[in-house]
Amino acid sequence: MQHASRTILNSWLSKTMALLFLGCAAANAQPETEQAWIDISLDTQGRVTQAVVQQQPPSVTSDLESWVMATSFDPAVVNAEPVPSTTSVSVEFSLQRDESGDGLKILSHTTGPRPISIQEPKYPHSDRKKGLEGWVQIIVTMNADGDVTDAQVTRSSDESFEHDALKAIKHWKYKMPTVNGRAIGAATEQTIFFRPDQN
């Protein structure tokens, strides 16, 4: 009888410890980082007058709109005078659960051209057997129409990915910022990722 009681107690302790471990792991789990694009219009003081969140669930869209409408940006300047402008905002955020439910936390944001047509790079055939993941950072220059006119690699995880990254990004198309109603050329940094399971 004593042996049976000890077995039941040990089983209960094991289950309790497992539940406590899972609870701690869940509490310490880092929320996933997500990205969104928001097209915005700015007045001469850098205040957002219109915002359109791209392809997000309604609850996230509402939170992102509230955040961006309350955020001030540097106004565009022509001949030392501020003028109305439009641009796109790339936002990194996470959804965190707190006492009141899910909450959106803005981690970082940048402004500039938004990719609207993307060609995925081909994974280098010579690297497929190695099964490596990789990335390439590129400075991309676009004209006012959003066409890529120049692309330069700044760094990469492996040189073998650079050729295919440059080949792909030259076919990308961007939504360009406007200043005083006219689209302008610009440059931005873009990171292209490679996985052995792609194409």
N, C-alpha and C. Protein backbone atom coordinates (compact mmCIF):
# COMPACT_ATOMS: atom_id res chain seq x y z
N MET A 1 0.83 -1.21 0.00
CA MET A 1 0.00 0.00 0.00
C MET A 1 0.87 1.26 0.00
N GLN A 2 1.94 1.19 0.84
CA GLN A 2 2.83 2.34 0.92
C GLN A 2 3.54 2.56 -0.42
N HIS A 3 3.91 1.43 -1.10
CA HIS A 3 4.58 1.53 -2.40
C HIS A 3 3.65 2.16 -3.44
N ALA A 4 2.37 1.75 -3.39
CA ALA A 4 1.39 2.30 -4.34
C ALA A 4 1.19 3.79 -4.12
N SER A 5 1.14 4.20 -2.82
CA SER A 5 0.97 5.63 -2.51
C SER A 5 2.16 6.42 -3.00
N ARG A 6 3.36 5.86 -2.83
CA ARG A 6 4.56 6.56 -3.28
C ARG A 6 4.56 6.70 -4.80
N THR A 7 4.09 5.65 -5.50
CA THR A 7 4.03 5.69 -6.96
C THR A 7 3.06 6.77 -7.43
N ILE A 8 1.88 6.85 -6.78
CA ILE A 8 0.88 7.86 -7.14
C ILE A 8 1.43 9.26 -6.87
N LEU A 9 2.12 9.43 -5.72
CA LEU A 9 2.68 10.73 -5.36
C LEU A 9 3.75 11.15 -6.37
N ASN A 10 4.63 10.20 -6.73
CA ASN A 10 5.68 10.51 -7.71
C ASN A 10 5.08 10.89 -9.06
N SER A 11 4.01 10.18 -9.45
CA SER A 11 3.35 10.48 -10.72
C SER A 11 2.74 11.88 -10.68
N TRP A 12 2.09 12.21 -9.57
CA TRP A 12 1.47 13.54 -9.42
C TRP A 12 2.53 14.63 -9.46
N LEU A 13 3.67 14.41 -8.76
CA LEU A 13 4.76 15.39 -8.75
C LEU A 13 5.33 15.59 -10.16
N SER A 14 5.49 14.49 -10.91
CA SER A 14 6.04 14.59 -12.26
C SER A 14 5.13 15.42 -13.16
N LYS A 15 3.81 15.15 -13.07
CA LYS A 15 2.86 15.89 -13.88
C LYS A 15 2.82 17.37 -13.50
N THR A 16 2.87 17.62 -12.17
CA THR A 16 2.85 19.01 -11.68
C THR A 16 4.09 19.76 -12.16
N MET A 17 5.27 19.13 -12.07
CA MET A 17 6.50 19.77 -12.51
C MET A 17 6.47 20.04 -14.02
N ALA A 18 5.90 19.08 -14.77
CA ALA A 18 5.80 19.26 -16.22
C ALA A 18 4.90 20.44 -16.56
N LEU A 19 3.76 20.56 -15.86
CA LEU A 19 2.84 21.68 -16.10
C LEU A 19 3.49 23.01 -15.72
N LEU A 20 4.23 23.02 -14.60
CA LEU A 20 4.93 24.24 -14.19
C LEU A 20 5.98 24.64 -15.22
N PHE A 21 6.70 23.64 -15.75
CA PHE A 21 7.73 23.92 -16.76
C PHE A 21 7.10 24.50 -18.01
N LEU A 22 5.98 23.88 -18.47
CA LEU A 22 5.30 24.39 -19.66
C LEU A 22 4.76 25.79 -19.44
N GLY A 23 4.26 26.06 -18.23
CA GLY A 23 3.74 27.39 -17.92
C GLY A 23 4.84 28.43 -17.95
N CYS A 24 6.01 28.08 -17.40
CA CYS A 24 7.15 29.01 -17.40
C CYS A 24 7.65 29.24 -18.82
N ALA A 25 7.70 28.15 -19.61
CA ALA A 25 8.17 28.28 -21.00
C ALA A 25 7.24 29.19 -21.78
N ALA A 26 5.93 29.04 -21.58
CA ALA A 26 4.96 29.90 -22.29
C ALA A 26 5.10 31.34 -21.86
N ALA A 27 5.32 31.55 -20.56
CA ALA A 27 5.44 32.91 -20.04
C ALA A 27 6.70 33.59 -20.57
N ASN A 28 7.79 32.79 -20.77
CA ASN A 28 9.05 33.37 -21.21
C ASN A 28 9.21 33.36 -22.72
N ALA A 29 8.25 32.76 -23.44
CA ALA A 29 8.36 32.68 -24.90
C ALA A 29 8.33 34.08 -25.50
N GLN A 30 9.24 34.31 -26.44
CA GLN A 30 9.30 35.61 -27.10
C GLN A 30 8.26 35.67 -28.21
N PRO A 31 7.47 36.75 -28.28
CA PRO A 31 6.48 36.87 -29.35
C PRO A 31 7.17 36.97 -30.71
N GLU A 32 6.52 36.43 -31.73
CA GLU A 32 7.08 36.48 -33.06
C GLU A 32 7.04 37.90 -33.61
N THR A 33 8.08 38.25 -34.34
CA THR A 33 8.14 39.56 -34.98
C THR A 33 7.46 39.49 -36.34
N GLU A 34 6.60 40.46 -36.61
CA GLU A 34 5.90 40.52 -37.89
C GLU A 34 6.18 41.86 -38.56
N GLN A 35 5.88 41.93 -39.85
CA GLN A 35 6.11 43.17 -40.60
C GLN A 35 4.84 43.59 -41.31
N ALA A 36 4.65 44.89 -41.41
CA ALA A 36 3.52 45.44 -42.17
C ALA A 36 3.98 46.69 -42.91
N TRP A 37 3.25 47.01 -43.97
CA TRP A 37 3.48 48.25 -44.72
C TRP A 37 2.25 49.14 -44.57
N ILE A 38 2.51 50.43 -44.39
CA ILE A 38 1.43 51.42 -44.31
C ILE A 38 1.75 52.56 -45.27
N ASP A 39 0.84 52.84 -46.20
CA ASP A 39 1.01 54.00 -47.08
C ASP A 39 0.41 55.21 -46.38
N ILE A 40 1.17 56.30 -46.30
CA ILE A 40 0.69 57.48 -45.57
C ILE A 40 0.81 58.75 -46.40
N SER A 41 -0.06 59.71 -46.09
CA SER A 41 0.03 61.07 -46.62
C SER A 41 0.39 61.99 -45.46
N LEU A 42 1.29 62.95 -45.71
CA LEU A 42 1.75 63.86 -44.68
C LEU A 42 1.46 65.31 -45.07
N ASP A 43 1.13 66.12 -44.07
CA ASP A 43 0.96 67.55 -44.34
C ASP A 43 2.31 68.25 -44.18
N THR A 44 2.30 69.56 -44.26
CA THR A 44 3.56 70.32 -44.23
C THR A 44 4.24 70.30 -42.87
N GLN A 45 3.55 69.80 -41.85
CA GLN A 45 4.17 69.70 -40.52
C GLN A 45 4.54 68.26 -40.16
N GLY A 46 4.40 67.34 -41.12
CA GLY A 46 4.78 65.96 -40.88
C GLY A 46 3.71 65.15 -40.17
N ARG A 47 2.49 65.69 -40.10
CA ARG A 47 1.39 64.96 -39.48
C ARG A 47 0.71 64.07 -40.52
N VAL A 48 0.32 62.87 -40.10
CA VAL A 48 -0.33 61.92 -41.00
C VAL A 48 -1.79 62.35 -41.21
N THR A 49 -2.17 62.53 -42.47
CA THR A 49 -3.54 62.91 -42.79
C THR A 49 -4.35 61.74 -43.35
N GLN A 50 -3.65 60.72 -43.84
CA GLN A 50 -4.32 59.53 -44.36
C GLN A 50 -3.36 58.35 -44.22
N ALA A 51 -3.92 57.17 -43.89
CA ALA A 51 -3.11 55.97 -43.73
C ALA A 51 -3.86 54.77 -44.26
N VAL A 52 -3.16 53.95 -45.04
CA VAL A 52 -3.74 52.72 -45.59
C VAL A 52 -2.80 51.57 -45.23
N VAL A 53 -3.27 50.67 -44.36
CA VAL A 53 -2.48 49.51 -43.95
C VAL A 53 -2.65 48.42 -45.00
N GLN A 54 -1.54 47.81 -45.41
CA GLN A 54 -1.56 46.81 -46.46
C GLN A 54 -1.69 45.39 -45.89
N GLN A 55 -2.74 44.66 -46.30
CA GLN A 55 -2.89 43.22 -46.10
C GLN A 55 -2.64 42.73 -44.67
N GLN A 56 -3.44 43.23 -43.74
CA GLN A 56 -3.38 42.78 -42.35
C GLN A 56 -4.79 42.47 -41.86
N PRO A 57 -4.91 41.58 -40.85
CA PRO A 57 -6.24 41.31 -40.27
C PRO A 57 -6.85 42.59 -39.71
N PRO A 58 -8.19 42.69 -39.66
CA PRO A 58 -8.85 43.93 -39.19
C PRO A 58 -8.38 44.41 -37.83
N SER A 59 -8.17 43.50 -36.87
CA SER A 59 -7.76 43.94 -35.53
C SER A 59 -6.37 44.56 -35.56
N VAL A 60 -5.46 43.96 -36.33
CA VAL A 60 -4.11 44.51 -36.45
C VAL A 60 -4.14 45.81 -37.23
N THR A 61 -4.95 45.86 -38.29
CA THR A 61 -5.07 47.08 -39.09
C THR A 61 -5.49 48.26 -38.24
N SER A 62 -6.47 48.05 -37.38
CA SER A 62 -6.96 49.12 -36.52
C SER A 62 -5.86 49.63 -35.58
N ASP A 63 -5.11 48.71 -34.97
CA ASP A 63 -4.02 49.12 -34.06
C ASP A 63 -2.92 49.85 -34.80
N LEU A 64 -2.57 49.37 -35.99
CA LEU A 64 -1.52 50.03 -36.77
C LEU A 64 -1.96 51.41 -37.23
N GLU A 65 -3.22 51.54 -37.62
CA GLU A 65 -3.74 52.86 -38.02
C GLU A 65 -3.68 53.83 -36.85
N SER A 66 -4.09 53.37 -35.68
CA SER A 66 -4.06 54.24 -34.49
C SER A 66 -2.64 54.68 -34.18
N TRP A 67 -1.69 53.75 -34.31
CA TRP A 67 -0.30 54.09 -34.01
C TRP A 67 0.24 55.11 -35.00
N VAL A 68 0.04 54.86 -36.32
CA VAL A 68 0.65 55.72 -37.31
C VAL A 68 0.00 57.11 -37.32
N MET A 69 -1.31 57.20 -37.05
CA MET A 69 -1.97 58.50 -37.03
C MET A 69 -1.48 59.36 -35.87
N ALA A 70 -0.96 58.72 -34.83
CA ALA A 70 -0.45 59.46 -33.67
C ALA A 70 1.05 59.72 -33.76
N THR A 71 1.68 59.28 -34.85
CA THR A 71 3.13 59.43 -35.02
C THR A 71 3.44 60.60 -35.94
N SER A 72 4.44 61.40 -35.58
CA SER A 72 4.87 62.51 -36.42
C SER A 72 6.10 62.10 -37.22
N PHE A 73 6.18 62.58 -38.45
CA PHE A 73 7.31 62.28 -39.33
C PHE A 73 7.93 63.59 -39.80
N ASP A 74 9.15 63.50 -40.31
CA ASP A 74 9.79 64.69 -40.87
C ASP A 74 9.08 65.07 -42.17
N PRO A 75 8.67 66.33 -42.31
CA PRO A 75 8.00 66.73 -43.56
C PRO A 75 9.01 66.82 -44.71
N ALA A 76 8.51 66.67 -45.94
CA ALA A 76 9.35 66.90 -47.11
C ALA A 76 9.62 68.39 -47.24
N VAL A 77 10.79 68.72 -47.76
CA VAL A 77 11.18 70.13 -47.89
C VAL A 77 11.65 70.40 -49.32
N VAL A 78 11.12 71.48 -49.91
CA VAL A 78 11.53 71.92 -51.24
C VAL A 78 11.87 73.40 -51.14
N ASN A 79 13.10 73.75 -51.57
CA ASN A 79 13.57 75.15 -51.48
C ASN A 79 13.37 75.71 -50.07
N ALA A 80 13.74 74.91 -49.08
CA ALA A 80 13.69 75.30 -47.67
C ALA A 80 12.28 75.48 -47.13
N GLU A 81 11.27 75.06 -47.92
CA GLU A 81 9.88 75.16 -47.48
C GLU A 81 9.27 73.77 -47.35
N PRO A 82 8.61 73.46 -46.23
CA PRO A 82 7.94 72.16 -46.09
C PRO A 82 6.75 72.05 -47.04
N VAL A 83 6.58 70.86 -47.62
CA VAL A 83 5.49 70.64 -48.59
C VAL A 83 4.80 69.32 -48.27
N PRO A 84 3.56 69.14 -48.76
CA PRO A 84 2.88 67.86 -48.55
C PRO A 84 3.61 66.72 -49.26
N SER A 85 3.47 65.52 -48.74
CA SER A 85 4.17 64.38 -49.34
C SER A 85 3.43 63.08 -49.02
N THR A 86 3.84 62.03 -49.71
CA THR A 86 3.36 60.68 -49.39
C THR A 86 4.58 59.77 -49.32
N THR A 87 4.47 58.70 -48.55
CA THR A 87 5.53 57.70 -48.46
C THR A 87 4.93 56.42 -47.90
N SER A 88 5.75 55.41 -47.73
CA SER A 88 5.31 54.16 -47.13
C SER A 88 6.14 53.90 -45.88
N VAL A 89 5.51 53.29 -44.90
CA VAL A 89 6.17 52.99 -43.64
C VAL A 89 6.26 51.47 -43.48
N SER A 90 7.47 50.98 -43.30
CA SER A 90 7.68 49.56 -42.99
C SER A 90 7.75 49.44 -41.47
N VAL A 91 6.87 48.63 -40.89
CA VAL A 91 6.76 48.52 -39.44
C VAL A 91 7.06 47.09 -38.99
N GLU A 92 7.95 46.95 -38.03
CA GLU A 92 8.16 45.66 -37.37
C GLU A 92 7.41 45.71 -36.04
N PHE A 93 6.60 44.68 -35.77
CA PHE A 93 5.81 44.70 -34.55
C PHE A 93 5.65 43.28 -34.02
N SER A 94 5.19 43.19 -32.78
CA SER A 94 4.88 41.89 -32.20
C SER A 94 3.53 41.98 -31.51
N LEU A 95 2.87 40.85 -31.42
CA LEU A 95 1.60 40.76 -30.70
C LEU A 95 1.88 40.08 -29.37
N GLN A 96 1.63 40.79 -28.27
CA GLN A 96 1.95 40.26 -26.95
C GLN A 96 0.69 40.16 -26.11
N ARG A 97 0.57 39.05 -25.42
CA ARG A 97 -0.60 38.86 -24.55
C ARG A 97 -0.31 39.44 -23.18
N ASP A 98 -1.19 40.30 -22.70
CA ASP A 98 -1.07 40.83 -21.35
C ASP A 98 -2.40 40.62 -20.63
N GLU A 99 -2.57 41.26 -19.48
CA GLU A 99 -3.78 41.04 -18.69
C GLU A 99 -5.05 41.41 -19.45
N SER A 100 -4.95 42.37 -20.33
CA SER A 100 -6.14 42.85 -21.05
C SER A 100 -6.36 42.13 -22.38
N GLY A 101 -5.45 41.19 -22.73
CA GLY A 101 -5.59 40.48 -23.99
C GLY A 101 -4.39 40.71 -24.89
N ASP A 102 -4.57 40.47 -26.17
CA ASP A 102 -3.47 40.66 -27.13
C ASP A 102 -3.19 42.14 -27.31
N GLY A 103 -1.90 42.50 -27.35
CA GLY A 103 -1.52 43.88 -27.56
C GLY A 103 -0.46 43.98 -28.63
N LEU A 104 -0.50 45.06 -29.41
CA LEU A 104 0.47 45.26 -30.47
C LEU A 104 1.59 46.15 -29.96
N LYS A 105 2.83 45.70 -30.15
CA LYS A 105 3.99 46.48 -29.73
C LYS A 105 4.83 46.81 -30.95
N ILE A 106 5.05 48.10 -31.20
CA ILE A 106 5.87 48.53 -32.33
C ILE A 106 7.33 48.39 -31.93
N LEU A 107 8.11 47.66 -32.74
CA LEU A 107 9.52 47.43 -32.44
C LEU A 107 10.42 48.41 -33.20
N SER A 108 10.08 48.68 -34.45
CA SER A 108 10.87 49.64 -35.25
C SER A 108 10.07 50.03 -36.48
N HIS A 109 10.45 51.14 -37.09
CA HIS A 109 9.80 51.53 -38.35
C HIS A 109 10.74 52.39 -39.18
N THR A 110 10.61 52.28 -40.50
CA THR A 110 11.37 53.10 -41.43
C THR A 110 10.42 53.57 -42.54
N THR A 111 10.79 54.65 -43.21
CA THR A 111 9.97 55.16 -44.31
C THR A 111 10.74 55.05 -45.62
N GLY A 112 9.99 54.93 -46.72
CA GLY A 112 10.63 54.87 -48.03
C GLY A 112 9.79 54.13 -49.03
N PRO A 113 10.37 53.79 -50.17
CA PRO A 113 9.63 53.08 -51.22
C PRO A 113 9.14 51.71 -50.72
N ARG A 114 7.98 51.29 -51.23
CA ARG A 114 7.41 49.97 -50.86
C ARG A 114 7.42 49.04 -52.06
N PRO A 115 7.96 47.83 -51.91
CA PRO A 115 7.92 46.87 -53.04
C PRO A 115 6.47 46.50 -53.36
N ILE A 116 6.10 46.58 -54.63
CA ILE A 116 4.74 46.20 -55.03
C ILE A 116 4.75 45.03 -56.02
N SER A 117 5.90 44.72 -56.59
CA SER A 117 6.06 43.56 -57.45
C SER A 117 7.43 42.95 -57.18
N ILE A 118 7.43 41.68 -56.77
CA ILE A 118 8.67 41.04 -56.33
C ILE A 118 8.94 39.78 -57.13
N GLN A 119 10.16 39.62 -57.56
CA GLN A 119 10.58 38.36 -58.17
C GLN A 119 11.46 37.62 -57.17
N GLU A 120 11.03 36.42 -56.81
CA GLU A 120 11.81 35.63 -55.86
C GLU A 120 13.11 35.17 -56.51
N PRO A 121 14.22 35.18 -55.76
CA PRO A 121 15.49 34.73 -56.34
C PRO A 121 15.52 33.21 -56.47
N LYS A 122 16.30 32.72 -57.40
CA LYS A 122 16.51 31.27 -57.52
C LYS A 122 17.61 30.88 -56.52
N TYR A 123 17.38 29.77 -55.85
CA TYR A 123 18.40 29.26 -54.93
C TYR A 123 19.55 28.70 -55.77
N PRO A 124 20.79 29.10 -55.46
CA PRO A 124 21.94 28.62 -56.27
C PRO A 124 22.01 27.10 -56.30
N HIS A 125 22.05 26.55 -57.52
CA HIS A 125 22.07 25.10 -57.69
C HIS A 125 23.27 24.47 -56.99
N SER A 126 24.40 25.17 -57.03
CA SER A 126 25.62 24.62 -56.43
C SER A 126 25.54 24.51 -54.92
N ASP A 127 24.64 25.28 -54.29
CA ASP A 127 24.53 25.27 -52.82
C ASP A 127 23.39 24.39 -52.32
N ARG A 128 22.55 23.89 -53.22
CA ARG A 128 21.37 23.15 -52.78
C ARG A 128 21.73 21.91 -51.97
N LYS A 129 22.79 21.21 -52.36
CA LYS A 129 23.19 20.01 -51.64
C LYS A 129 23.68 20.33 -50.22
N LYS A 130 24.21 21.52 -50.04
CA LYS A 130 24.70 21.92 -48.71
C LYS A 130 23.54 22.23 -47.77
N GLY A 131 22.38 22.61 -48.35
CA GLY A 131 21.21 22.90 -47.53
C GLY A 131 21.34 24.15 -46.68
N LEU A 132 22.11 25.13 -47.15
CA LEU A 132 22.35 26.34 -46.37
C LEU A 132 21.23 27.37 -46.57
N GLU A 133 20.90 28.07 -45.49
CA GLU A 133 20.07 29.27 -45.61
C GLU A 133 21.00 30.47 -45.72
N GLY A 134 20.52 31.52 -46.35
CA GLY A 134 21.39 32.68 -46.51
C GLY A 134 20.63 33.96 -46.74
N TRP A 135 21.35 35.06 -46.83
CA TRP A 135 20.74 36.36 -47.06
C TRP A 135 21.74 37.28 -47.75
N VAL A 136 21.19 38.29 -48.43
CA VAL A 136 22.01 39.31 -49.09
C VAL A 136 21.37 40.66 -48.84
N GLN A 137 22.17 41.61 -48.37
CA GLN A 137 21.70 42.98 -48.20
C GLN A 137 22.14 43.82 -49.40
N ILE A 138 21.19 44.57 -49.95
CA ILE A 138 21.43 45.31 -51.19
C ILE A 138 20.93 46.74 -51.05
N ILE A 139 21.72 47.69 -51.51
CA ILE A 139 21.24 49.06 -51.66
C ILE A 139 20.63 49.17 -53.05
N VAL A 140 19.33 49.49 -53.08
CA VAL A 140 18.58 49.54 -54.34
C VAL A 140 18.23 50.98 -54.66
N THR A 141 18.50 51.40 -55.88
CA THR A 141 18.14 52.74 -56.35
C THR A 141 17.03 52.63 -57.38
N MET A 142 15.97 53.43 -57.21
CA MET A 142 14.83 53.41 -58.12
C MET A 142 14.61 54.78 -58.74
N ASN A 143 14.04 54.81 -59.94
CA ASN A 143 13.64 56.08 -60.54
C ASN A 143 12.23 56.44 -60.07
N ALA A 144 11.70 57.54 -60.55
CA ALA A 144 10.39 58.02 -60.09
C ALA A 144 9.25 57.08 -60.47
N ASP A 145 9.49 56.22 -61.48
CA ASP A 145 8.47 55.25 -61.88
C ASP A 145 8.49 53.99 -61.02
N GLY A 146 9.48 53.88 -60.15
CA GLY A 146 9.58 52.70 -59.29
C GLY A 146 10.39 51.57 -59.88
N ASP A 147 11.06 51.81 -61.01
CA ASP A 147 11.91 50.79 -61.62
C ASP A 147 13.31 50.83 -61.00
N VAL A 148 13.89 49.67 -60.80
CA VAL A 148 15.24 49.58 -60.23
C VAL A 148 16.25 50.00 -61.29
N THR A 149 17.07 50.99 -60.95
CA THR A 149 18.09 51.47 -61.88
C THR A 149 19.49 51.05 -61.47
N ASP A 150 19.65 50.68 -60.19
CA ASP A 150 20.97 50.24 -59.71
C ASP A 150 20.79 49.40 -58.46
N ALA A 151 21.66 48.42 -58.29
CA ALA A 151 21.62 47.56 -57.11
C ALA A 151 23.04 47.16 -56.75
N GLN A 152 23.43 47.41 -55.49
CA GLN A 152 24.78 47.11 -55.03
C GLN A 152 24.72 46.30 -53.73
N VAL A 153 25.44 45.18 -53.70
CA VAL A 153 25.49 44.36 -52.49
C VAL A 153 26.33 45.07 -51.44
N THR A 154 25.80 45.17 -50.22
CA THR A 154 26.58 45.75 -49.12
C THR A 154 27.20 44.66 -48.25
N ARG A 155 26.49 43.55 -48.07
CA ARG A 155 27.05 42.40 -47.36
C ARG A 155 26.13 41.20 -47.56
N SER A 156 26.66 40.01 -47.27
CA SER A 156 25.88 38.79 -47.45
C SER A 156 26.41 37.70 -46.53
N SER A 157 25.59 36.68 -46.33
CA SER A 157 26.03 35.56 -45.51
C SER A 157 27.00 34.67 -46.28
N ASP A 158 26.91 34.71 -47.61
CA ASP A 158 27.81 33.91 -48.46
C ASP A 158 27.79 34.51 -49.86
N GLU A 159 28.96 34.67 -50.46
CA GLU A 159 29.05 35.29 -51.79
C GLU A 159 28.28 34.52 -52.85
N SER A 160 28.06 33.22 -52.64
CA SER A 160 27.38 32.41 -53.65
C SER A 160 25.93 32.83 -53.87
N PHE A 161 25.35 33.58 -52.92
CA PHE A 161 23.97 34.03 -53.05
C PHE A 161 23.85 35.37 -53.78
N GLU A 162 24.94 36.10 -53.91
CA GLU A 162 24.87 37.49 -54.36
C GLU A 162 24.39 37.64 -55.80
N HIS A 163 24.90 36.81 -56.71
CA HIS A 163 24.52 36.93 -58.13
C HIS A 163 23.02 36.77 -58.32
N ASP A 164 22.45 35.72 -57.70
CA ASP A 164 21.02 35.46 -57.88
C ASP A 164 20.16 36.51 -57.19
N ALA A 165 20.65 37.08 -56.09
CA ALA A 165 19.91 38.15 -55.41
C ALA A 165 19.84 39.40 -56.30
N LEU A 166 20.97 39.77 -56.88
CA LEU A 166 21.00 40.95 -57.76
C LEU A 166 20.16 40.72 -59.01
N LYS A 167 20.21 39.53 -59.55
CA LYS A 167 19.44 39.22 -60.76
C LYS A 167 17.95 39.35 -60.49
N ALA A 168 17.51 38.90 -59.32
CA ALA A 168 16.08 38.95 -58.98
C ALA A 168 15.61 40.38 -58.71
N ILE A 169 16.38 41.13 -57.92
CA ILE A 169 15.90 42.43 -57.46
C ILE A 169 15.83 43.45 -58.60
N LYS A 170 16.55 43.23 -59.65
CA LYS A 170 16.49 44.16 -60.79
C LYS A 170 15.13 44.11 -61.49
N HIS A 171 14.31 43.09 -61.16
CA HIS A 171 12.97 42.99 -61.74
C HIS A 171 11.88 43.45 -60.76
N TRP A 172 12.29 43.95 -59.60
CA TRP A 172 11.31 44.42 -58.63
C TRP A 172 10.73 45.76 -59.08
N LYS A 173 9.53 46.05 -58.57
CA LYS A 173 8.87 47.35 -58.84
C LYS A 173 8.46 47.94 -57.49
N TYR A 174 8.57 49.25 -57.34
CA TYR A 174 8.30 49.92 -56.07
C TYR A 174 7.24 51.00 -56.21
N LYS A 175 6.49 51.20 -55.14
CA LYS A 175 5.61 52.36 -55.01
C LYS A 175 6.48 53.48 -54.45
N MET A 176 6.63 54.57 -55.18
CA MET A 176 7.58 55.61 -54.80
C MET A 176 6.93 56.71 -53.96
N PRO A 177 7.73 57.36 -53.11
CA PRO A 177 7.23 58.53 -52.38
C PRO A 177 6.91 59.66 -53.36
N THR A 178 6.04 60.56 -52.93
CA THR A 178 5.77 61.77 -53.72
C THR A 178 6.06 62.99 -52.87
N VAL A 179 6.48 64.04 -53.52
CA VAL A 179 6.74 65.33 -52.86
C VAL A 179 5.99 66.40 -53.64
N ASN A 180 5.08 67.08 -52.97
CA ASN A 180 4.28 68.11 -53.62
C ASN A 180 3.54 67.56 -54.83
N GLY A 181 3.08 66.31 -54.71
CA GLY A 181 2.28 65.70 -55.77
C GLY A 181 3.05 65.01 -56.86
N ARG A 182 4.39 65.02 -56.81
CA ARG A 182 5.19 64.41 -57.86
C ARG A 182 6.03 63.27 -57.29
N ALA A 183 6.03 62.13 -57.99
CA ALA A 183 6.85 60.99 -57.55
C ALA A 183 8.33 61.33 -57.70
N ILE A 184 9.13 60.81 -56.79
CA ILE A 184 10.57 61.07 -56.82
C ILE A 184 11.34 59.75 -56.80
N GLY A 185 12.56 59.79 -57.34
CA GLY A 185 13.45 58.65 -57.24
C GLY A 185 13.99 58.55 -55.82
N ALA A 186 14.44 57.38 -55.46
CA ALA A 186 14.95 57.19 -54.09
C ALA A 186 15.79 55.92 -54.04
N ALA A 187 16.41 55.71 -52.90
CA ALA A 187 17.19 54.50 -52.66
C ALA A 187 16.78 53.91 -51.32
N THR A 188 16.90 52.60 -51.20
CA THR A 188 16.56 51.93 -49.95
C THR A 188 17.41 50.69 -49.80
N GLU A 189 17.49 50.17 -48.59
CA GLU A 189 18.21 48.91 -48.35
C GLU A 189 17.21 47.77 -48.31
N GLN A 190 17.51 46.70 -49.02
CA GLN A 190 16.63 45.54 -49.10
C GLN A 190 17.41 44.29 -48.74
N THR A 191 16.81 43.41 -47.96
CA THR A 191 17.44 42.13 -47.63
C THR A 191 16.67 41.01 -48.32
N ILE A 192 17.39 40.17 -49.05
CA ILE A 192 16.80 39.02 -49.73
C ILE A 192 17.28 37.75 -49.03
N PHE A 193 16.33 36.86 -48.74
CA PHE A 193 16.63 35.64 -48.01
C PHE A 193 16.58 34.43 -48.94
N PHE A 194 17.41 33.44 -48.63
CA PHE A 194 17.46 32.21 -49.40
C PHE A 194 17.22 31.02 -48.49
N ARG A 195 16.38 30.07 -48.95
CA ARG A 195 16.15 28.81 -48.26
C ARG A 195 16.30 27.67 -49.26
N PRO A 196 16.87 26.56 -48.85
CA PRO A 196 17.11 25.46 -49.79
C PRO A 196 15.83 24.84 -50.34
N ASP A 197 14.67 25.10 -49.70
CA ASP A 197 13.41 24.49 -50.19
C ASP A 197 12.69 25.39 -51.19
N GLN A 198 13.26 26.58 -51.51
CA GLN A 198 12.57 27.46 -52.46
C GLN A 198 12.92 27.09 -53.89
N ASN A 199 11.94 27.29 -54.77
CA ASN A 199 12.01 26.90 -56.18
C ASN A 199 12.98 25.75 -56.39
